[in-house]
Amino acid sequence: MDQLLWLNAHGDKSPMAALARFDKLGKMRVDGNDAWLYYGEIYCHSDVGLSGKGYESVYGIVRSRRFASETPIDKKLFVPDPRIW
């Protein structure tokens, strides 16, 4: 649903998103609490192409950057800082 709303907001006249894979991988600890860890894939129209409304915005700038880290990247990267919850 989120992807459909996102595509619509970016001007897709016929947004499409369908669940292709959904796996419950288990639990992990987040701020001392158990949290479920999932993996999923969807088929969808893309909002990250090289033309159109999405490309012209800040996302166009972000797509031109490489993601790099001085420390090893692991699942902790995807856990938000509890101070922003």
N, C-alpha and C. Protein backbone atom coordinates (compact mmCIF):
# COMPACT_ATOMS: atom_id res chain seq x y z
N MET A 1 0.83 -1.18 0.00
CA MET A 1 0.00 0.00 0.00
C MET A 1 0.88 1.25 0.00
N ASP A 2 1.94 1.24 0.80
CA ASP A 2 2.83 2.39 0.87
C ASP A 2 3.44 2.69 -0.50
N GLN A 3 3.88 1.64 -1.21
CA GLN A 3 4.49 1.85 -2.52
C GLN A 3 3.48 2.41 -3.51
N LEU A 4 2.24 1.93 -3.46
CA LEU A 4 1.20 2.46 -4.35
C LEU A 4 0.96 3.94 -4.09
N LEU A 5 0.89 4.32 -2.82
CA LEU A 5 0.69 5.73 -2.48
C LEU A 5 1.88 6.57 -2.92
N TRP A 6 3.08 6.03 -2.73
CA TRP A 6 4.30 6.74 -3.12
C TRP A 6 4.32 6.97 -4.63
N LEU A 7 4.04 5.92 -5.40
CA LEU A 7 4.04 6.05 -6.85
C LEU A 7 3.00 7.05 -7.32
N ASN A 8 1.83 6.99 -6.72
CA ASN A 8 0.77 7.93 -7.07
C ASN A 8 1.21 9.37 -6.78
N ALA A 9 1.84 9.58 -5.64
CA ALA A 9 2.30 10.92 -5.27
C ALA A 9 3.37 11.44 -6.23
N HIS A 10 4.10 10.52 -6.87
CA HIS A 10 5.14 10.90 -7.82
C HIS A 10 4.62 10.97 -9.25
N GLY A 11 3.31 10.89 -9.42
CA GLY A 11 2.72 11.11 -10.73
C GLY A 11 2.48 9.89 -11.59
N ASP A 12 2.67 8.68 -11.05
CA ASP A 12 2.39 7.47 -11.82
C ASP A 12 0.88 7.39 -12.03
N LYS A 13 0.44 7.40 -13.29
CA LYS A 13 -0.99 7.41 -13.61
C LYS A 13 -1.66 6.04 -13.35
N SER A 14 -0.86 4.99 -13.30
CA SER A 14 -1.39 3.66 -13.06
C SER A 14 -0.41 2.88 -12.18
N PRO A 15 -0.29 3.26 -10.89
CA PRO A 15 0.69 2.62 -10.02
C PRO A 15 0.43 1.12 -9.85
N MET A 16 1.52 0.34 -9.78
CA MET A 16 1.42 -1.10 -9.63
C MET A 16 2.45 -1.55 -8.60
N ALA A 17 2.01 -2.37 -7.65
CA ALA A 17 2.91 -2.99 -6.69
C ALA A 17 2.26 -4.29 -6.22
N ALA A 18 3.02 -5.38 -6.25
CA ALA A 18 2.50 -6.69 -5.83
C ALA A 18 3.57 -7.41 -5.03
N LEU A 19 3.15 -8.07 -3.96
CA LEU A 19 4.07 -8.84 -3.11
C LEU A 19 4.57 -10.06 -3.86
N ALA A 20 5.89 -10.20 -3.97
CA ALA A 20 6.49 -11.34 -4.66
C ALA A 20 7.03 -12.36 -3.67
N ARG A 21 7.52 -11.87 -2.52
CA ARG A 21 8.10 -12.76 -1.52
C ARG A 21 7.99 -12.09 -0.15
N PHE A 22 7.69 -12.92 0.85
CA PHE A 22 7.59 -12.42 2.22
C PHE A 22 8.02 -13.52 3.17
N ASP A 23 9.12 -13.29 3.88
CA ASP A 23 9.65 -14.30 4.80
C ASP A 23 9.82 -13.70 6.20
N LYS A 24 9.32 -14.41 7.21
CA LYS A 24 9.59 -14.04 8.59
C LYS A 24 10.91 -14.70 8.95
N LEU A 25 11.95 -13.90 9.23
CA LEU A 25 13.28 -14.43 9.48
C LEU A 25 13.55 -14.73 10.94
N GLY A 26 12.76 -14.19 11.83
CA GLY A 26 12.99 -14.44 13.25
C GLY A 26 12.89 -13.15 14.03
N LYS A 27 13.61 -13.12 15.15
CA LYS A 27 13.58 -11.93 16.01
C LYS A 27 14.98 -11.38 16.19
N MET A 28 15.04 -10.11 16.55
CA MET A 28 16.29 -9.48 16.94
C MET A 28 15.98 -8.54 18.09
N ARG A 29 16.98 -8.15 18.82
CA ARG A 29 16.79 -7.23 19.95
C ARG A 29 16.95 -5.80 19.47
N VAL A 30 15.98 -4.97 19.81
CA VAL A 30 16.01 -3.55 19.49
C VAL A 30 15.72 -2.79 20.78
N ASP A 31 16.69 -2.05 21.26
CA ASP A 31 16.53 -1.28 22.49
C ASP A 31 16.03 -2.14 23.64
N GLY A 32 16.55 -3.37 23.73
CA GLY A 32 16.18 -4.27 24.82
C GLY A 32 14.88 -5.01 24.62
N ASN A 33 14.24 -4.85 23.47
CA ASN A 33 12.96 -5.51 23.19
C ASN A 33 13.08 -6.43 21.99
N ASP A 34 12.26 -7.49 21.96
CA ASP A 34 12.22 -8.35 20.79
C ASP A 34 11.48 -7.63 19.67
N ALA A 35 12.03 -7.72 18.46
CA ALA A 35 11.38 -7.16 17.28
C ALA A 35 11.46 -8.21 16.17
N TRP A 36 10.38 -8.38 15.41
CA TRP A 36 10.37 -9.34 14.31
C TRP A 36 11.21 -8.80 13.17
N LEU A 37 11.92 -9.69 12.52
CA LEU A 37 12.73 -9.34 11.36
C LEU A 37 12.13 -10.04 10.15
N TYR A 38 11.80 -9.28 9.11
CA TYR A 38 11.17 -9.80 7.90
C TYR A 38 12.03 -9.49 6.68
N TYR A 39 11.87 -10.30 5.64
CA TYR A 39 12.47 -10.01 4.34
C TYR A 39 11.34 -10.05 3.33
N GLY A 40 11.32 -9.07 2.43
CA GLY A 40 10.27 -9.06 1.42
C GLY A 40 10.76 -8.50 0.11
N GLU A 41 10.07 -8.88 -0.95
CA GLU A 41 10.33 -8.36 -2.29
C GLU A 41 8.99 -8.02 -2.92
N ILE A 42 8.99 -6.96 -3.74
CA ILE A 42 7.78 -6.61 -4.48
C ILE A 42 8.13 -6.39 -5.94
N TYR A 43 7.14 -6.62 -6.78
CA TYR A 43 7.20 -6.20 -8.17
C TYR A 43 6.47 -4.87 -8.22
N CYS A 44 7.07 -3.87 -8.84
CA CYS A 44 6.37 -2.59 -8.89
C CYS A 44 6.93 -1.69 -9.98
N HIS A 45 6.17 -0.66 -10.28
CA HIS A 45 6.71 0.41 -11.09
C HIS A 45 7.80 1.08 -10.27
N SER A 46 8.78 1.65 -10.90
CA SER A 46 9.88 2.27 -10.19
C SER A 46 9.69 3.77 -10.10
N ASP A 47 10.08 4.35 -8.97
CA ASP A 47 10.09 5.80 -8.81
C ASP A 47 11.53 6.30 -8.79
N VAL A 48 12.47 5.47 -9.26
CA VAL A 48 13.88 5.84 -9.21
C VAL A 48 14.52 5.84 -10.60
N GLY A 49 13.72 6.05 -11.63
CA GLY A 49 14.27 6.09 -12.98
C GLY A 49 15.07 7.37 -13.23
N LEU A 50 15.56 7.50 -14.44
CA LEU A 50 16.40 8.65 -14.78
C LEU A 50 15.63 9.78 -15.44
N SER A 51 14.31 9.77 -15.32
CA SER A 51 13.50 10.88 -15.83
C SER A 51 12.23 10.97 -14.99
N GLY A 52 11.53 12.06 -15.13
CA GLY A 52 10.26 12.23 -14.43
C GLY A 52 10.39 12.98 -13.12
N LYS A 53 9.25 13.12 -12.49
CA LYS A 53 9.12 13.93 -11.29
C LYS A 53 10.07 13.52 -10.17
N GLY A 54 10.21 12.19 -9.92
CA GLY A 54 11.08 11.71 -8.85
C GLY A 54 12.53 12.06 -9.09
N TYR A 55 12.97 11.96 -10.34
CA TYR A 55 14.38 12.21 -10.64
C TYR A 55 14.74 13.68 -10.46
N GLU A 56 13.79 14.56 -10.67
CA GLU A 56 14.06 15.99 -10.60
C GLU A 56 14.18 16.51 -9.17
N SER A 57 13.74 15.75 -8.21
CA SER A 57 13.74 16.21 -6.82
C SER A 57 15.01 15.80 -6.10
N VAL A 58 14.97 15.86 -4.80
CA VAL A 58 16.12 15.47 -3.97
C VAL A 58 16.52 14.02 -4.23
N TYR A 59 15.57 13.17 -4.64
CA TYR A 59 15.90 11.77 -4.90
C TYR A 59 16.85 11.64 -6.08
N GLY A 60 16.76 12.54 -7.04
CA GLY A 60 17.71 12.55 -8.15
C GLY A 60 19.12 12.79 -7.66
N ILE A 61 19.27 13.65 -6.69
CA ILE A 61 20.59 13.94 -6.11
C ILE A 61 21.09 12.71 -5.34
N VAL A 62 20.22 12.13 -4.53
CA VAL A 62 20.60 10.98 -3.71
C VAL A 62 21.02 9.80 -4.58
N ARG A 63 20.32 9.57 -5.69
CA ARG A 63 20.66 8.45 -6.56
C ARG A 63 22.05 8.58 -7.16
N SER A 64 22.59 9.78 -7.21
CA SER A 64 23.92 9.96 -7.79
C SER A 64 25.03 9.71 -6.76
N ARG A 65 24.69 9.42 -5.52
CA ARG A 65 25.66 9.18 -4.46
C ARG A 65 25.89 7.69 -4.24
N ARG A 66 27.05 7.34 -3.73
CA ARG A 66 27.33 5.97 -3.33
C ARG A 66 27.22 5.86 -1.82
N PHE A 67 26.69 4.75 -1.36
CA PHE A 67 26.57 4.50 0.06
C PHE A 67 27.85 3.85 0.53
N ALA A 68 28.51 4.45 1.49
CA ALA A 68 29.76 3.90 2.01
C ALA A 68 29.79 4.06 3.52
N SER A 69 30.53 3.19 4.18
CA SER A 69 30.64 3.23 5.62
C SER A 69 32.05 2.82 6.03
N GLU A 70 32.58 3.49 7.03
CA GLU A 70 33.90 3.12 7.54
C GLU A 70 33.83 1.87 8.40
N THR A 71 32.64 1.54 8.91
CA THR A 71 32.46 0.34 9.71
C THR A 71 31.68 -0.68 8.89
N PRO A 72 31.81 -1.96 9.21
CA PRO A 72 31.06 -2.98 8.46
C PRO A 72 29.56 -2.73 8.54
N ILE A 73 28.87 -2.91 7.43
CA ILE A 73 27.42 -2.71 7.38
C ILE A 73 26.75 -4.04 7.73
N ASP A 74 25.88 -4.02 8.75
CA ASP A 74 25.14 -5.20 9.13
C ASP A 74 23.71 -4.79 9.45
N LYS A 75 22.92 -5.72 10.02
CA LYS A 75 21.52 -5.44 10.25
C LYS A 75 21.29 -4.28 11.22
N LYS A 76 22.27 -3.93 12.05
CA LYS A 76 22.11 -2.81 12.98
C LYS A 76 21.90 -1.49 12.24
N LEU A 77 22.41 -1.40 11.01
CA LEU A 77 22.25 -0.19 10.22
C LEU A 77 20.78 0.17 10.03
N PHE A 78 19.91 -0.85 9.96
CA PHE A 78 18.51 -0.64 9.66
C PHE A 78 17.63 -0.47 10.89
N VAL A 79 18.22 -0.44 12.06
CA VAL A 79 17.47 -0.23 13.30
C VAL A 79 17.54 1.24 13.65
N PRO A 80 16.40 1.95 13.66
CA PRO A 80 16.42 3.37 13.98
C PRO A 80 16.89 3.65 15.41
N ASP A 81 17.51 4.76 15.59
CA ASP A 81 17.97 5.21 16.91
C ASP A 81 16.72 5.38 17.80
N PRO A 82 16.68 4.74 18.97
CA PRO A 82 15.50 4.84 19.84
C PRO A 82 15.13 6.29 20.21
N ARG A 83 16.08 7.20 20.17
CA ARG A 83 15.77 8.60 20.51
C ARG A 83 14.83 9.25 19.51
N ILE A 84 14.71 8.69 18.30
CA ILE A 84 13.80 9.29 17.30
C ILE A 84 12.47 8.57 17.20
N TRP A 85 12.23 7.55 18.03
CA TRP A 85 10.96 6.80 17.96
C TRP A 85 9.82 7.67 18.37
